[in-house]
Amino acid sequence: MLSAQQTSVREERSTKKAPLSDAEARALLAAVDTVVIARGKRAERRAAREVGLDDLKGPTGSYRAPIVRRGETLLVGFHAESLAALLG
């Protein structure tokens, strides 16, 4: 999907080898205005100041993947329509 959008990835990391820490997640939230949280077939758009760390975690307790930041928007979890809109 990223290559079809002609998008390059600035940083990529494995969630198993280098999981996101709570401090890193807080820093991401502080750096954006809007967060789109994908859960299954739906995506919820919220102001970053209204989002807590637990909102970014899945049922296993780890952070949802992928986490994509573009400008002032953070997408957490996979939702094809939201990803296409973010990259478009």
N, C-alpha and C. Protein backbone atom coordinates (compact mmCIF):
# COMPACT_ATOMS: atom_id res chain seq x y z
N MET A 1 0.81 -1.19 0.00
CA MET A 1 0.00 0.00 0.00
C MET A 1 0.86 1.26 0.00
N LEU A 2 1.95 1.26 0.74
CA LEU A 2 2.81 2.44 0.79
C LEU A 2 3.48 2.70 -0.55
N SER A 3 3.91 1.65 -1.23
CA SER A 3 4.56 1.86 -2.52
C SER A 3 3.57 2.35 -3.56
N ALA A 4 2.33 1.93 -3.47
CA ALA A 4 1.31 2.40 -4.40
C ALA A 4 1.05 3.89 -4.21
N GLN A 5 1.20 4.37 -3.00
CA GLN A 5 1.01 5.79 -2.69
C GLN A 5 2.30 6.59 -2.91
N GLN A 6 3.37 5.92 -3.31
CA GLN A 6 4.69 6.52 -3.48
C GLN A 6 5.12 7.25 -2.22
N THR A 7 5.01 6.53 -1.11
CA THR A 7 5.35 7.07 0.21
C THR A 7 6.60 6.38 0.72
N SER A 8 7.49 7.14 1.30
CA SER A 8 8.68 6.55 1.90
C SER A 8 8.52 6.52 3.42
N VAL A 9 9.15 5.56 4.03
CA VAL A 9 9.10 5.39 5.48
C VAL A 9 10.37 5.96 6.07
N ARG A 10 10.23 6.88 7.01
CA ARG A 10 11.39 7.50 7.63
C ARG A 10 11.99 6.60 8.69
N GLU A 11 11.15 5.97 9.50
CA GLU A 11 11.65 5.07 10.54
C GLU A 11 10.72 3.87 10.65
N GLU A 12 11.31 2.70 10.69
CA GLU A 12 10.54 1.47 10.84
C GLU A 12 11.19 0.64 11.93
N ARG A 13 10.37 0.06 12.81
CA ARG A 13 10.93 -0.79 13.85
C ARG A 13 9.98 -1.92 14.17
N SER A 14 10.55 -3.01 14.61
CA SER A 14 9.79 -4.20 14.93
C SER A 14 9.18 -4.06 16.32
N THR A 15 7.90 -4.38 16.44
CA THR A 15 7.25 -4.30 17.74
C THR A 15 7.72 -5.42 18.68
N LYS A 16 8.26 -6.48 18.11
CA LYS A 16 8.76 -7.57 18.95
C LYS A 16 10.18 -7.32 19.42
N LYS A 17 11.03 -6.80 18.54
CA LYS A 17 12.43 -6.57 18.90
C LYS A 17 12.62 -5.28 19.69
N ALA A 18 11.83 -4.26 19.38
CA ALA A 18 11.96 -2.96 20.04
C ALA A 18 10.58 -2.37 20.29
N PRO A 19 9.85 -2.92 21.28
CA PRO A 19 8.49 -2.42 21.52
C PRO A 19 8.49 -0.96 21.98
N LEU A 20 7.41 -0.28 21.67
CA LEU A 20 7.23 1.11 22.05
C LEU A 20 7.07 1.22 23.56
N SER A 21 7.79 2.13 24.17
CA SER A 21 7.67 2.33 25.61
C SER A 21 6.56 3.35 25.89
N ASP A 22 6.11 3.40 27.12
CA ASP A 22 5.09 4.37 27.49
C ASP A 22 5.60 5.79 27.30
N ALA A 23 6.86 6.04 27.60
CA ALA A 23 7.43 7.37 27.43
C ALA A 23 7.44 7.78 25.96
N GLU A 24 7.76 6.84 25.08
CA GLU A 24 7.75 7.13 23.64
C GLU A 24 6.33 7.39 23.15
N ALA A 25 5.37 6.64 23.67
CA ALA A 25 3.97 6.85 23.28
C ALA A 25 3.49 8.22 23.75
N ARG A 26 3.85 8.61 24.95
CA ARG A 26 3.49 9.95 25.45
C ARG A 26 4.11 11.04 24.58
N ALA A 27 5.35 10.84 24.16
CA ALA A 27 6.03 11.82 23.30
C ALA A 27 5.32 11.93 21.95
N LEU A 28 4.87 10.81 21.40
CA LEU A 28 4.12 10.84 20.14
C LEU A 28 2.81 11.61 20.31
N LEU A 29 2.10 11.35 21.40
CA LEU A 29 0.84 12.05 21.65
C LEU A 29 1.06 13.55 21.82
N ALA A 30 2.15 13.92 22.45
CA ALA A 30 2.45 15.34 22.67
C ALA A 30 2.81 16.05 21.37
N ALA A 31 3.27 15.30 20.37
CA ALA A 31 3.74 15.90 19.12
C ALA A 31 2.66 16.02 18.06
N VAL A 32 1.45 15.52 18.33
CA VAL A 32 0.39 15.56 17.32
C VAL A 32 -0.86 16.25 17.87
N ASP A 33 -1.76 16.61 16.97
CA ASP A 33 -3.03 17.22 17.36
C ASP A 33 -4.19 16.23 17.32
N THR A 34 -4.12 15.30 16.36
CA THR A 34 -5.23 14.36 16.11
C THR A 34 -4.72 12.93 16.13
N VAL A 35 -5.53 12.04 16.72
CA VAL A 35 -5.20 10.61 16.75
C VAL A 35 -6.37 9.85 16.14
N VAL A 36 -6.06 8.96 15.21
CA VAL A 36 -7.05 8.07 14.63
C VAL A 36 -6.75 6.68 15.17
N ILE A 37 -7.70 6.13 15.93
CA ILE A 37 -7.51 4.82 16.54
C ILE A 37 -8.35 3.80 15.79
N ALA A 38 -7.69 2.82 15.19
CA ALA A 38 -8.36 1.79 14.41
C ALA A 38 -8.58 0.56 15.28
N ARG A 39 -9.82 0.11 15.27
CA ARG A 39 -10.18 -1.10 15.99
C ARG A 39 -11.07 -1.92 15.06
N GLY A 40 -10.50 -2.96 14.47
CA GLY A 40 -11.26 -3.79 13.55
C GLY A 40 -11.69 -3.02 12.32
N LYS A 41 -12.99 -2.99 12.06
CA LYS A 41 -13.49 -2.34 10.84
C LYS A 41 -13.84 -0.87 11.07
N ARG A 42 -13.61 -0.36 12.26
CA ARG A 42 -13.95 1.04 12.50
C ARG A 42 -12.73 1.83 12.95
N ALA A 43 -12.79 3.13 12.75
CA ALA A 43 -11.71 4.01 13.17
C ALA A 43 -12.34 5.22 13.86
N GLU A 44 -11.73 5.62 14.95
CA GLU A 44 -12.24 6.73 15.74
C GLU A 44 -11.23 7.86 15.72
N ARG A 45 -11.67 9.05 15.38
CA ARG A 45 -10.80 10.23 15.30
C ARG A 45 -11.03 11.07 16.56
N ARG A 46 -9.93 11.36 17.28
CA ARG A 46 -10.03 12.13 18.53
C ARG A 46 -8.89 13.11 18.65
N ALA A 47 -9.10 14.13 19.45
CA ALA A 47 -8.03 15.08 19.75
C ALA A 47 -6.98 14.36 20.60
N ALA A 48 -5.72 14.65 20.36
CA ALA A 48 -4.64 13.95 21.06
C ALA A 48 -4.72 14.17 22.57
N ARG A 49 -5.16 15.34 22.99
CA ARG A 49 -5.22 15.63 24.43
C ARG A 49 -6.27 14.78 25.15
N GLU A 50 -7.20 14.18 24.40
CA GLU A 50 -8.26 13.35 24.97
C GLU A 50 -7.90 11.86 24.98
N VAL A 51 -6.73 11.51 24.44
CA VAL A 51 -6.34 10.11 24.29
C VAL A 51 -5.36 9.71 25.38
N GLY A 52 -5.64 8.58 26.02
CA GLY A 52 -4.73 8.03 27.02
C GLY A 52 -3.95 6.86 26.44
N LEU A 53 -2.94 6.43 27.15
CA LEU A 53 -2.12 5.33 26.66
C LEU A 53 -2.92 4.05 26.47
N ASP A 54 -3.88 3.79 27.34
CA ASP A 54 -4.69 2.58 27.21
C ASP A 54 -5.52 2.58 25.93
N ASP A 55 -5.85 3.76 25.41
CA ASP A 55 -6.60 3.85 24.17
C ASP A 55 -5.78 3.36 22.98
N LEU A 56 -4.46 3.40 23.10
CA LEU A 56 -3.57 3.01 22.02
C LEU A 56 -3.21 1.52 22.06
N LYS A 57 -3.64 0.85 23.11
CA LYS A 57 -3.28 -0.56 23.29
C LYS A 57 -4.39 -1.49 22.83
N GLY A 58 -3.97 -2.64 22.38
CA GLY A 58 -4.91 -3.67 21.93
C GLY A 58 -5.28 -4.59 23.07
N PRO A 59 -5.99 -5.67 22.76
CA PRO A 59 -6.45 -6.60 23.78
C PRO A 59 -5.32 -7.35 24.50
N THR A 60 -4.14 -7.41 23.89
CA THR A 60 -3.02 -8.10 24.53
C THR A 60 -2.26 -7.21 25.51
N GLY A 61 -2.58 -5.89 25.48
CA GLY A 61 -1.89 -4.96 26.37
C GLY A 61 -0.70 -4.26 25.73
N SER A 62 -0.37 -4.63 24.51
CA SER A 62 0.72 -3.95 23.81
C SER A 62 0.11 -2.93 22.85
N TYR A 63 0.95 -2.01 22.38
CA TYR A 63 0.46 -0.97 21.48
C TYR A 63 0.05 -1.57 20.14
N ARG A 64 -1.04 -1.04 19.61
CA ARG A 64 -1.52 -1.50 18.30
C ARG A 64 -0.50 -1.16 17.23
N ALA A 65 -0.46 -1.97 16.20
CA ALA A 65 0.46 -1.73 15.09
C ALA A 65 -0.35 -1.73 13.81
N PRO A 66 0.03 -0.98 12.85
CA PRO A 66 1.16 -0.05 12.83
C PRO A 66 0.78 1.26 13.52
N ILE A 67 1.79 2.02 13.85
CA ILE A 67 1.61 3.39 14.31
C ILE A 67 2.27 4.26 13.25
N VAL A 68 1.47 5.11 12.61
CA VAL A 68 1.95 5.94 11.52
C VAL A 68 1.69 7.40 11.88
N ARG A 69 2.75 8.20 11.80
CA ARG A 69 2.60 9.63 12.04
C ARG A 69 2.88 10.37 10.74
N ARG A 70 1.97 11.27 10.42
CA ARG A 70 2.19 12.16 9.28
C ARG A 70 1.74 13.54 9.71
N GLY A 71 2.69 14.43 9.80
CA GLY A 71 2.38 15.79 10.24
C GLY A 71 1.84 15.79 11.66
N GLU A 72 0.65 16.33 11.82
CA GLU A 72 0.03 16.46 13.14
C GLU A 72 -0.99 15.37 13.42
N THR A 73 -0.98 14.30 12.61
CA THR A 73 -1.93 13.21 12.77
C THR A 73 -1.21 11.90 13.03
N LEU A 74 -1.75 11.13 13.97
CA LEU A 74 -1.19 9.83 14.33
C LEU A 74 -2.25 8.77 14.09
N LEU A 75 -1.92 7.75 13.32
CA LEU A 75 -2.82 6.62 13.09
C LEU A 75 -2.29 5.45 13.88
N VAL A 76 -3.15 4.86 14.71
CA VAL A 76 -2.76 3.73 15.55
C VAL A 76 -3.64 2.54 15.19
N GLY A 77 -3.03 1.46 14.71
CA GLY A 77 -3.76 0.29 14.27
C GLY A 77 -4.00 0.35 12.78
N PHE A 78 -4.38 -0.77 12.18
CA PHE A 78 -4.56 -0.82 10.74
C PHE A 78 -6.02 -0.61 10.37
N HIS A 79 -6.25 0.36 9.52
CA HIS A 79 -7.56 0.64 8.94
C HIS A 79 -7.27 1.20 7.55
N ALA A 80 -7.53 0.40 6.52
CA ALA A 80 -7.11 0.74 5.16
C ALA A 80 -7.60 2.11 4.71
N GLU A 81 -8.84 2.45 4.96
CA GLU A 81 -9.38 3.73 4.52
C GLU A 81 -8.69 4.89 5.21
N SER A 82 -8.46 4.76 6.50
CA SER A 82 -7.81 5.84 7.26
C SER A 82 -6.35 6.00 6.82
N LEU A 83 -5.68 4.89 6.56
CA LEU A 83 -4.29 4.95 6.10
C LEU A 83 -4.21 5.61 4.73
N ALA A 84 -5.12 5.24 3.84
CA ALA A 84 -5.13 5.86 2.50
C ALA A 84 -5.40 7.36 2.61
N ALA A 85 -6.32 7.76 3.49
CA ALA A 85 -6.63 9.18 3.67
C ALA A 85 -5.43 9.93 4.26
N LEU A 86 -4.74 9.29 5.19
CA LEU A 86 -3.57 9.92 5.82
C LEU A 86 -2.44 10.11 4.82
N LEU A 87 -2.25 9.14 3.95
CA LEU A 87 -1.16 9.20 2.98
C LEU A 87 -1.54 9.97 1.72
N GLY A 88 -2.85 10.11 1.47
CA GLY A 88 -3.32 10.74 0.24
C GLY A 88 -3.08 12.20 0.25
